[in-house]
Amino acid sequence: MIAGGAMLLVGALMGIFSYTAYTAGNPERILDGFEGRTYYPKEAPGSPGRKLQAYISLATVSIGALLLVVSAPVYLIGRRLRQAAEE
């Protein structure tokens, strides 16, 4: 259940970011990191790489949702069986 929830959350966030970058583009920016400054040039809307990232994120969300749907009933049934065995 934890893996499904994590995949659902990360996939949704990356999907939103990738889709907005695909439709609106990205501004030019400089980011400071551990290795120093990194320059990111301006990205025009309609990048096929961003579209692919959005589709991969959609697949990640789908797999995460499937894991949650499958694991939640299994968890609840297992919990109920353990309670019945203790009684």
PDB file of N, CA and C in Angstrom:
ATOM      1  N   MET A   1       0.820  -1.185   0.000  1.00  0.00           N
ATOM      2  CA  MET A   1       0.000   0.000   0.000  1.00  0.00           C
ATOM      3  C   MET A   1       0.869   1.256   0.000  1.00  0.00           C
ATOM      4  N   ILE A   2       1.962   1.208   0.712  1.00  0.00           N
ATOM      5  CA  ILE A   2       2.836   2.375   0.780  1.00  0.00           C
ATOM      6  C   ILE A   2       3.458   2.657  -0.587  1.00  0.00           C
ATOM      7  N   ALA A   3       3.903   1.613  -1.263  1.00  0.00           N
ATOM      8  CA  ALA A   3       4.499   1.796  -2.596  1.00  0.00           C
ATOM      9  C   ALA A   3       3.465   2.341  -3.581  1.00  0.00           C
ATOM     10  N   GLY A   4       2.247   1.842  -3.514  1.00  0.00           N
ATOM     11  CA  GLY A   4       1.188   2.335  -4.395  1.00  0.00           C
ATOM     12  C   GLY A   4       0.874   3.795  -4.143  1.00  0.00           C
ATOM     13  N   GLY A   5       0.801   4.176  -2.869  1.00  0.00           N
ATOM     14  CA  GLY A   5       0.545   5.578  -2.532  1.00  0.00           C
ATOM     15  C   GLY A   5       1.669   6.488  -2.966  1.00  0.00           C
ATOM     16  N   ALA A   6       2.907   6.026  -2.777  1.00  0.00           N
ATOM     17  CA  ALA A   6       4.057   6.829  -3.190  1.00  0.00           C
ATOM     18  C   ALA A   6       4.086   6.993  -4.707  1.00  0.00           C
ATOM     19  N   MET A   7       3.828   5.913  -5.429  1.00  0.00           N
ATOM     20  CA  MET A   7       3.805   6.005  -6.890  1.00  0.00           C
ATOM     21  C   MET A   7       2.686   6.924  -7.364  1.00  0.00           C
ATOM     22  N   LEU A   8       1.551   6.853  -6.702  1.00  0.00           N
ATOM     23  CA  LEU A   8       0.422   7.705  -7.052  1.00  0.00           C
ATOM     24  C   LEU A   8       0.768   9.178  -6.843  1.00  0.00           C
ATOM     25  N   LEU A   9       1.372   9.501  -5.718  1.00  0.00           N
ATOM     26  CA  LEU A   9       1.719  10.877  -5.404  1.00  0.00           C
ATOM     27  C   LEU A   9       2.807  11.417  -6.330  1.00  0.00           C
ATOM     28  N   VAL A  10       3.897  10.676  -6.473  1.00  0.00           N
ATOM     29  CA  VAL A  10       5.010  11.137  -7.309  1.00  0.00           C
ATOM     30  C   VAL A  10       4.589  11.229  -8.773  1.00  0.00           C
ATOM     31  N   GLY A  11       3.837  10.238  -9.243  1.00  0.00           N
ATOM     32  CA  GLY A  11       3.378  10.271 -10.630  1.00  0.00           C
ATOM     33  C   GLY A  11       2.466  11.447 -10.909  1.00  0.00           C
ATOM     34  N   ALA A  12       1.590  11.765  -9.957  1.00  0.00           N
ATOM     35  CA  ALA A  12       0.684  12.899 -10.141  1.00  0.00           C
ATOM     36  C   ALA A  12       1.457  14.210 -10.174  1.00  0.00           C
ATOM     37  N   LEU A  13       2.403  14.382  -9.250  1.00  0.00           N
ATOM     38  CA  LEU A  13       3.182  15.623  -9.233  1.00  0.00           C
ATOM     39  C   LEU A  13       4.028  15.781 -10.496  1.00  0.00           C
ATOM     40  N   MET A  14       4.701  14.716 -10.908  1.00  0.00           N
ATOM     41  CA  MET A  14       5.519  14.800 -12.121  1.00  0.00           C
ATOM     42  C   MET A  14       4.654  14.962 -13.372  1.00  0.00           C
ATOM     43  N   GLY A  15       3.486  14.344 -13.377  1.00  0.00           N
ATOM     44  CA  GLY A  15       2.581  14.496 -14.509  1.00  0.00           C
ATOM     45  C   GLY A  15       2.101  15.932 -14.664  1.00  0.00           C
ATOM     46  N   ILE A  16       1.748  16.558 -13.536  1.00  0.00           N
ATOM     47  CA  ILE A  16       1.314  17.953 -13.581  1.00  0.00           C
ATOM     48  C   ILE A  16       2.452  18.844 -14.067  1.00  0.00           C
ATOM     49  N   PHE A  17       3.656  18.641 -13.521  1.00  0.00           N
ATOM     50  CA  PHE A  17       4.804  19.457 -13.938  1.00  0.00           C
ATOM     51  C   PHE A  17       5.118  19.252 -15.420  1.00  0.00           C
ATOM     52  N   SER A  18       5.147  18.005 -15.867  1.00  0.00           N
ATOM     53  CA  SER A  18       5.503  17.725 -17.263  1.00  0.00           C
ATOM     54  C   SER A  18       4.458  18.265 -18.225  1.00  0.00           C
ATOM     55  N   TYR A  19       3.172  18.134 -17.870  1.00  0.00           N
ATOM     56  CA  TYR A  19       2.122  18.606 -18.760  1.00  0.00           C
ATOM     57  C   TYR A  19       2.125  20.127 -18.856  1.00  0.00           C
ATOM     58  N   THR A  20       2.334  20.812 -17.723  1.00  0.00           N
ATOM     59  CA  THR A  20       2.377  22.274 -17.790  1.00  0.00           C
ATOM     60  C   THR A  20       3.622  22.749 -18.538  1.00  0.00           C
ATOM     61  N   ALA A  21       4.745  22.043 -18.385  1.00  0.00           N
ATOM     62  CA  ALA A  21       5.944  22.400 -19.146  1.00  0.00           C
ATOM     63  C   ALA A  21       5.729  22.126 -20.631  1.00  0.00           C
ATOM     64  N   TYR A  22       4.959  21.081 -20.961  1.00  0.00           N
ATOM     65  CA  TYR A  22       4.677  20.767 -22.365  1.00  0.00           C
ATOM     66  C   TYR A  22       3.762  21.824 -22.979  1.00  0.00           C
ATOM     67  N   THR A  23       2.755  22.271 -22.240  1.00  0.00           N
ATOM     68  CA  THR A  23       1.805  23.226 -22.812  1.00  0.00           C
ATOM     69  C   THR A  23       2.269  24.671 -22.720  1.00  0.00           C
ATOM     70  N   ALA A  24       2.998  25.038 -21.660  1.00  0.00           N
ATOM     71  CA  ALA A  24       3.366  26.438 -21.463  1.00  0.00           C
ATOM     72  C   ALA A  24       4.856  26.706 -21.651  1.00  0.00           C
ATOM     73  N   GLY A  25       5.690  25.675 -21.629  1.00  0.00           N
ATOM     74  CA  GLY A  25       7.129  25.877 -21.726  1.00  0.00           C
ATOM     75  C   GLY A  25       7.726  26.193 -20.366  1.00  0.00           C
ATOM     76  N   ASN A  26       9.018  26.432 -20.327  1.00  0.00           N
ATOM     77  CA  ASN A  26       9.732  26.775 -19.094  1.00  0.00           C
ATOM     78  C   ASN A  26      10.551  28.027 -19.321  1.00  0.00           C
ATOM     79  N   PRO A  27      10.602  28.924 -18.325  1.00  0.00           N
ATOM     80  CA  PRO A  27      11.430  30.130 -18.471  1.00  0.00           C
ATOM     81  C   PRO A  27      12.915  29.813 -18.284  1.00  0.00           C
ATOM     82  N   GLU A  28      13.746  30.739 -18.716  1.00  0.00           N
ATOM     83  CA  GLU A  28      15.183  30.614 -18.507  1.00  0.00           C
ATOM     84  C   GLU A  28      15.471  30.814 -17.021  1.00  0.00           C
ATOM     85  N   ARG A  29      16.382  29.967 -16.449  1.00  0.00           N
ATOM     86  CA  ARG A  29      16.674  30.108 -15.023  1.00  0.00           C
ATOM     87  C   ARG A  29      18.044  29.542 -14.680  1.00  0.00           C
ATOM     88  N   ILE A  30      18.546  29.967 -13.534  1.00  0.00           N
ATOM     89  CA  ILE A  30      19.805  29.475 -12.978  1.00  0.00           C
ATOM     90  C   ILE A  30      19.496  28.970 -11.575  1.00  0.00           C
ATOM     91  N   LEU A  31      19.873  27.726 -11.297  1.00  0.00           N
ATOM     92  CA  LEU A  31      19.631  27.139  -9.984  1.00  0.00           C
ATOM     93  C   LEU A  31      20.951  26.810  -9.311  1.00  0.00           C
ATOM     94  N   ASP A  32      21.005  27.070  -8.005  1.00  0.00           N
ATOM     95  CA  ASP A  32      22.179  26.725  -7.218  1.00  0.00           C
ATOM     96  C   ASP A  32      21.966  25.349  -6.600  1.00  0.00           C
ATOM     97  N   GLY A  33      22.934  24.458  -6.785  1.00  0.00           N
ATOM     98  CA  GLY A  33      22.854  23.108  -6.242  1.00  0.00           C
ATOM     99  C   GLY A  33      24.115  22.744  -5.497  1.00  0.00           C
ATOM    100  N   PHE A  34      24.256  21.467  -5.190  1.00  0.00           N
ATOM    101  CA  PHE A  34      25.430  20.989  -4.472  1.00  0.00           C
ATOM    102  C   PHE A  34      26.701  21.102  -5.314  1.00  0.00           C
ATOM    103  N   GLU A  35      26.588  20.902  -6.615  1.00  0.00           N
ATOM    104  CA  GLU A  35      27.754  20.968  -7.496  1.00  0.00           C
ATOM    105  C   GLU A  35      28.026  22.374  -8.011  1.00  0.00           C
ATOM    106  N   GLY A  36      27.217  23.339  -7.631  1.00  0.00           N
ATOM    107  CA  GLY A  36      27.381  24.701  -8.114  1.00  0.00           C
ATOM    108  C   GLY A  36      26.150  25.159  -8.867  1.00  0.00           C
ATOM    109  N   ARG A  37      26.320  26.195  -9.650  1.00  0.00           N
ATOM    110  CA  ARG A  37      25.194  26.750 -10.398  1.00  0.00           C
ATOM    111  C   ARG A  37      24.962  25.969 -11.676  1.00  0.00           C
ATOM    112  N   THR A  38      23.677  25.801 -11.994  1.00  0.00           N
ATOM    113  CA  THR A  38      23.281  25.114 -13.221  1.00  0.00           C
ATOM    114  C   THR A  38      22.369  26.030 -14.016  1.00  0.00           C
ATOM    115  N   TYR A  39      22.685  26.202 -15.299  1.00  0.00           N
ATOM    116  CA  TYR A  39      21.900  27.051 -16.188  1.00  0.00           C
ATOM    117  C   TYR A  39      20.916  26.197 -16.975  1.00  0.00           C
ATOM    118  N   TYR A  40      19.650  26.602 -16.971  1.00  0.00           N
ATOM    119  CA  TYR A  40      18.618  25.932 -17.752  1.00  0.00           C
ATOM    120  C   TYR A  40      18.082  26.932 -18.766  1.00  0.00           C
ATOM    121  N   PRO A  41      18.293  26.673 -20.053  1.00  0.00           N
ATOM    122  CA  PRO A  41      17.812  27.623 -21.060  1.00  0.00           C
ATOM    123  C   PRO A  41      16.286  27.603 -21.156  1.00  0.00           C
ATOM    124  N   LYS A  42      15.757  28.623 -21.818  1.00  0.00           N
ATOM    125  CA  LYS A  42      14.314  28.720 -22.017  1.00  0.00           C
ATOM    126  C   LYS A  42      13.845  27.546 -22.878  1.00  0.00           C
ATOM    127  N   GLU A  43      12.720  26.962 -22.490  1.00  0.00           N
ATOM    128  CA  GLU A  43      12.172  25.819 -23.224  1.00  0.00           C
ATOM    129  C   GLU A  43      10.833  26.221 -23.827  1.00  0.00           C
ATOM    130  N   ALA A  44      10.707  26.074 -25.125  1.00  0.00           N
ATOM    131  CA  ALA A  44       9.478  26.448 -25.813  1.00  0.00           C
ATOM    132  C   ALA A  44       8.386  25.402 -25.554  1.00  0.00           C
ATOM    133  N   PRO A  45       7.118  25.799 -25.631  1.00  0.00           N
ATOM    134  CA  PRO A  45       6.035  24.818 -25.462  1.00  0.00           C
ATOM    135  C   PRO A  45       6.031  23.801 -26.601  1.00  0.00           C
ATOM    136  N   GLY A  46       5.531  22.624 -26.322  1.00  0.00           N
ATOM    137  CA  GLY A  46       5.400  21.595 -27.345  1.00  0.00           C
ATOM    138  C   GLY A  46       6.577  20.658 -27.451  1.00  0.00           C
ATOM    139  N   SER A  47       7.394  20.567 -26.418  1.00  0.00           N
ATOM    140  CA  SER A  47       8.554  19.675 -26.441  1.00  0.00           C
ATOM    141  C   SER A  47       8.089  18.214 -26.389  1.00  0.00           C
ATOM    142  N   PRO A  48       8.517  17.385 -27.353  1.00  0.00           N
ATOM    143  CA  PRO A  48       8.085  15.986 -27.338  1.00  0.00           C
ATOM    144  C   PRO A  48       8.611  15.213 -26.130  1.00  0.00           C
ATOM    145  N   GLY A  49       9.753  15.637 -25.575  1.00  0.00           N
ATOM    146  CA  GLY A  49      10.279  14.979 -24.387  1.00  0.00           C
ATOM    147  C   GLY A  49       9.376  15.176 -23.181  1.00  0.00           C
ATOM    148  N   ARG A  50       8.837  16.375 -23.036  1.00  0.00           N
ATOM    149  CA  ARG A  50       7.916  16.650 -21.927  1.00  0.00           C
ATOM    150  C   ARG A  50       6.609  15.881 -22.093  1.00  0.00           C
ATOM    151  N   LYS A  51       6.175  15.718 -23.333  1.00  0.00           N
ATOM    152  CA  LYS A  51       4.953  14.952 -23.580  1.00  0.00           C
ATOM    153  C   LYS A  51       5.176  13.495 -23.188  1.00  0.00           C
ATOM    154  N   LEU A  52       6.335  12.939 -23.525  1.00  0.00           N
ATOM    155  CA  LEU A  52       6.662  11.574 -23.141  1.00  0.00           C
ATOM    156  C   LEU A  52       6.727  11.442 -21.625  1.00  0.00           C
ATOM    157  N   GLN A  53       7.326  12.429 -20.948  1.00  0.00           N
ATOM    158  CA  GLN A  53       7.382  12.395 -19.490  1.00  0.00           C
ATOM    159  C   GLN A  53       5.979  12.420 -18.881  1.00  0.00           C
ATOM    160  N   ALA A  54       5.072  13.187 -19.475  1.00  0.00           N
ATOM    161  CA  ALA A  54       3.700  13.239 -18.974  1.00  0.00           C
ATOM    162  C   ALA A  54       3.015  11.885 -19.144  1.00  0.00           C
ATOM    163  N   TYR A  55       3.244  11.211 -20.268  1.00  0.00           N
ATOM    164  CA  TYR A  55       2.658   9.879 -20.475  1.00  0.00           C
ATOM    165  C   TYR A  55       3.261   8.841 -19.524  1.00  0.00           C
ATOM    166  N   ILE A  56       4.551   8.927 -19.266  1.00  0.00           N
ATOM    167  CA  ILE A  56       5.185   8.005 -18.322  1.00  0.00           C
ATOM    168  C   ILE A  56       4.646   8.255 -16.917  1.00  0.00           C
ATOM    169  N   SER A  57       4.434   9.511 -16.567  1.00  0.00           N
ATOM    170  CA  SER A  57       3.853   9.831 -15.267  1.00  0.00           C
ATOM    171  C   SER A  57       2.428   9.307 -15.150  1.00  0.00           C
ATOM    172  N   LEU A  58       1.682   9.373 -16.235  1.00  0.00           N
ATOM    173  CA  LEU A  58       0.327   8.816 -16.237  1.00  0.00           C
ATOM    174  C   LEU A  58       0.364   7.310 -16.005  1.00  0.00           C
ATOM    175  N   ALA A  59       1.324   6.635 -16.610  1.00  0.00           N
ATOM    176  CA  ALA A  59       1.477   5.196 -16.387  1.00  0.00           C
ATOM    177  C   ALA A  59       1.861   4.915 -14.933  1.00  0.00           C
ATOM    178  N   THR A  60       2.704   5.756 -14.352  1.00  0.00           N
ATOM    179  CA  THR A  60       3.097   5.594 -12.950  1.00  0.00           C
ATOM    180  C   THR A  60       1.901   5.773 -12.030  1.00  0.00           C
ATOM    181  N   VAL A  61       1.068   6.766 -12.308  1.00  0.00           N
ATOM    182  CA  VAL A  61      -0.141   6.977 -11.514  1.00  0.00           C
ATOM    183  C   VAL A  61      -1.068   5.773 -11.646  1.00  0.00           C
ATOM    184  N   SER A  62      -1.213   5.241 -12.843  1.00  0.00           N
ATOM    185  CA  SER A  62      -2.088   4.088 -13.061  1.00  0.00           C
ATOM    186  C   SER A  62      -1.603   2.864 -12.298  1.00  0.00           C
ATOM    187  N   ILE A  63      -0.308   2.610 -12.339  1.00  0.00           N
ATOM    188  CA  ILE A  63       0.252   1.462 -11.612  1.00  0.00           C
ATOM    189  C   ILE A  63       0.096   1.666 -10.108  1.00  0.00           C
ATOM    190  N   GLY A  64       0.341   2.885  -9.612  1.00  0.00           N
ATOM    191  CA  GLY A  64       0.166   3.166  -8.195  1.00  0.00           C
ATOM    192  C   GLY A  64      -1.267   2.977  -7.743  1.00  0.00           C
ATOM    193  N   ALA A  65      -2.222   3.434  -8.548  1.00  0.00           N
ATOM    194  CA  ALA A  65      -3.633   3.253  -8.210  1.00  0.00           C
ATOM    195  C   ALA A  65      -4.003   1.774  -8.226  1.00  0.00           C
ATOM    196  N   LEU A  66      -3.493   1.035  -9.190  1.00  0.00           N
ATOM    197  CA  LEU A  66      -3.754  -0.400  -9.251  1.00  0.00           C
ATOM    198  C   LEU A  66      -3.193  -1.116  -8.025  1.00  0.00           C
ATOM    199  N   LEU A  67      -1.988  -0.749  -7.611  1.00  0.00           N
ATOM    200  CA  LEU A  67      -1.403  -1.345  -6.404  1.00  0.00           C
ATOM    201  C   LEU A  67      -2.248  -1.040  -5.175  1.00  0.00           C
ATOM    202  N   LEU A  68      -2.751   0.180  -5.074  1.00  0.00           N
ATOM    203  CA  LEU A  68      -3.609   0.523  -3.933  1.00  0.00           C
ATOM    204  C   LEU A  68      -4.912  -0.258  -3.960  1.00  0.00           C
ATOM    205  N   VAL A  69      -5.517  -0.364  -5.135  1.00  0.00           N
ATOM    206  CA  VAL A  69      -6.797  -1.075  -5.247  1.00  0.00           C
ATOM    207  C   VAL A  69      -6.633  -2.553  -4.917  1.00  0.00           C
ATOM    208  N   VAL A  70      -5.511  -3.134  -5.296  1.00  0.00           N
ATOM    209  CA  VAL A  70      -5.290  -4.561  -5.032  1.00  0.00           C
ATOM    210  C   VAL A  70      -4.845  -4.791  -3.589  1.00  0.00           C
ATOM    211  N   SER A  71      -3.969  -3.936  -3.070  1.00  0.00           N
ATOM    212  CA  SER A  71      -3.394  -4.204  -1.753  1.00  0.00           C
ATOM    213  C   SER A  71      -4.320  -3.854  -0.600  1.00  0.00           C
ATOM    214  N   ALA A  72      -5.213  -2.893  -0.759  1.00  0.00           N
ATOM    215  CA  ALA A  72      -6.106  -2.521   0.341  1.00  0.00           C
ATOM    216  C   ALA A  72      -7.024  -3.676   0.741  1.00  0.00           C
ATOM    217  N   PRO A  73      -7.730  -4.328  -0.192  1.00  0.00           N
ATOM    218  CA  PRO A  73      -8.556  -5.468   0.224  1.00  0.00           C
ATOM    219  C   PRO A  73      -7.732  -6.631   0.782  1.00  0.00           C
ATOM    220  N   VAL A  74      -6.563  -6.882   0.208  1.00  0.00           N
ATOM    221  CA  VAL A  74      -5.703  -7.961   0.711  1.00  0.00           C
ATOM    222  C   VAL A  74      -5.284  -7.660   2.148  1.00  0.00           C
ATOM    223  N   TYR A  75      -4.944  -6.411   2.428  1.00  0.00           N
ATOM    224  CA  TYR A  75      -4.564  -6.014   3.779  1.00  0.00           C
ATOM    225  C   TYR A  75      -5.736  -6.191   4.752  1.00  0.00           C
ATOM    226  N   LEU A  76      -6.914  -5.738   4.332  1.00  0.00           N
ATOM    227  CA  LEU A  76      -8.081  -5.838   5.215  1.00  0.00           C
ATOM    228  C   LEU A  76      -8.490  -7.290   5.455  1.00  0.00           C
ATOM    229  N   ILE A  77      -8.439  -8.121   4.440  1.00  0.00           N
ATOM    230  CA  ILE A  77      -8.778  -9.536   4.602  1.00  0.00           C
ATOM    231  C   ILE A  77      -7.759 -10.216   5.509  1.00  0.00           C
ATOM    232  N   GLY A  78      -6.485  -9.944   5.308  1.00  0.00           N
ATOM    233  CA  GLY A  78      -5.445 -10.523   6.156  1.00  0.00           C
ATOM    234  C   GLY A  78      -5.591 -10.089   7.603  1.00  0.00           C
ATOM    235  N   ARG A  79      -5.939  -8.844   7.810  1.00  0.00           N
ATOM    236  CA  ARG A  79      -6.144  -8.335   9.170  1.00  0.00           C
ATOM    237  C   ARG A  79      -7.322  -9.025   9.837  1.00  0.00           C
ATOM    238  N   ARG A  80      -8.383  -9.205   9.090  1.00  0.00           N
ATOM    239  CA  ARG A  80      -9.565  -9.879   9.639  1.00  0.00           C
ATOM    240  C   ARG A  80      -9.271 -11.345   9.957  1.00  0.00           C
ATOM    241  N   LEU A  81      -8.497 -12.013   9.091  1.00  0.00           N
ATOM    242  CA  LEU A  81      -8.140 -13.410   9.340  1.00  0.00           C
ATOM    243  C   LEU A  81      -7.255 -13.529  10.579  1.00  0.00           C
ATOM    244  N   ARG A  82      -6.342 -12.588  10.779  1.00  0.00           N
ATOM    245  CA  ARG A  82      -5.507 -12.612  11.980  1.00  0.00           C
ATOM    246  C   ARG A  82      -6.331 -12.414  13.241  1.00  0.00           C
ATOM    247  N   GLN A  83      -7.307 -11.526  13.174  1.00  0.00           N
ATOM    248  CA  GLN A  83      -8.174 -11.300  14.333  1.00  0.00           C
ATOM    249  C   GLN A  83      -9.002 -12.526  14.645  1.00  0.00           C
ATOM    250  N   ALA A  84      -9.465 -13.207  13.586  1.00  0.00           N
ATOM    251  CA  ALA A  84     -10.255 -14.431  13.805  1.00  0.00           C
ATOM    252  C   ALA A  84      -9.393 -15.539  14.358  1.00  0.00           C
ATOM    253  N   ALA A  85      -8.136 -15.610  13.974  1.00  0.00           N
ATOM    254  CA  ALA A  85      -7.248 -16.667  14.475  1.00  0.00           C
ATOM    255  C   ALA A  85      -6.876 -16.422  15.938  1.00  0.00           C
ATOM    256  N   GLU A  86      -6.836 -15.170  16.361  1.00  0.00           N
ATOM    257  CA  GLU A  86      -6.496 -14.869  17.747  1.00  0.00           C
ATOM    258  C   GLU A  86      -7.641 -15.195  18.701  1.00  0.00           C
ATOM    259  N   GLU A  87      -8.866 -15.161  18.202  1.00  0.00           N
ATOM    260  CA  GLU A  87     -10.018 -15.432  19.071  1.00  0.00           C
ATOM    261  C   GLU A  87     -10.240 -16.859  19.337  1.00  0.00           C
TER     262      GLU A  87
END
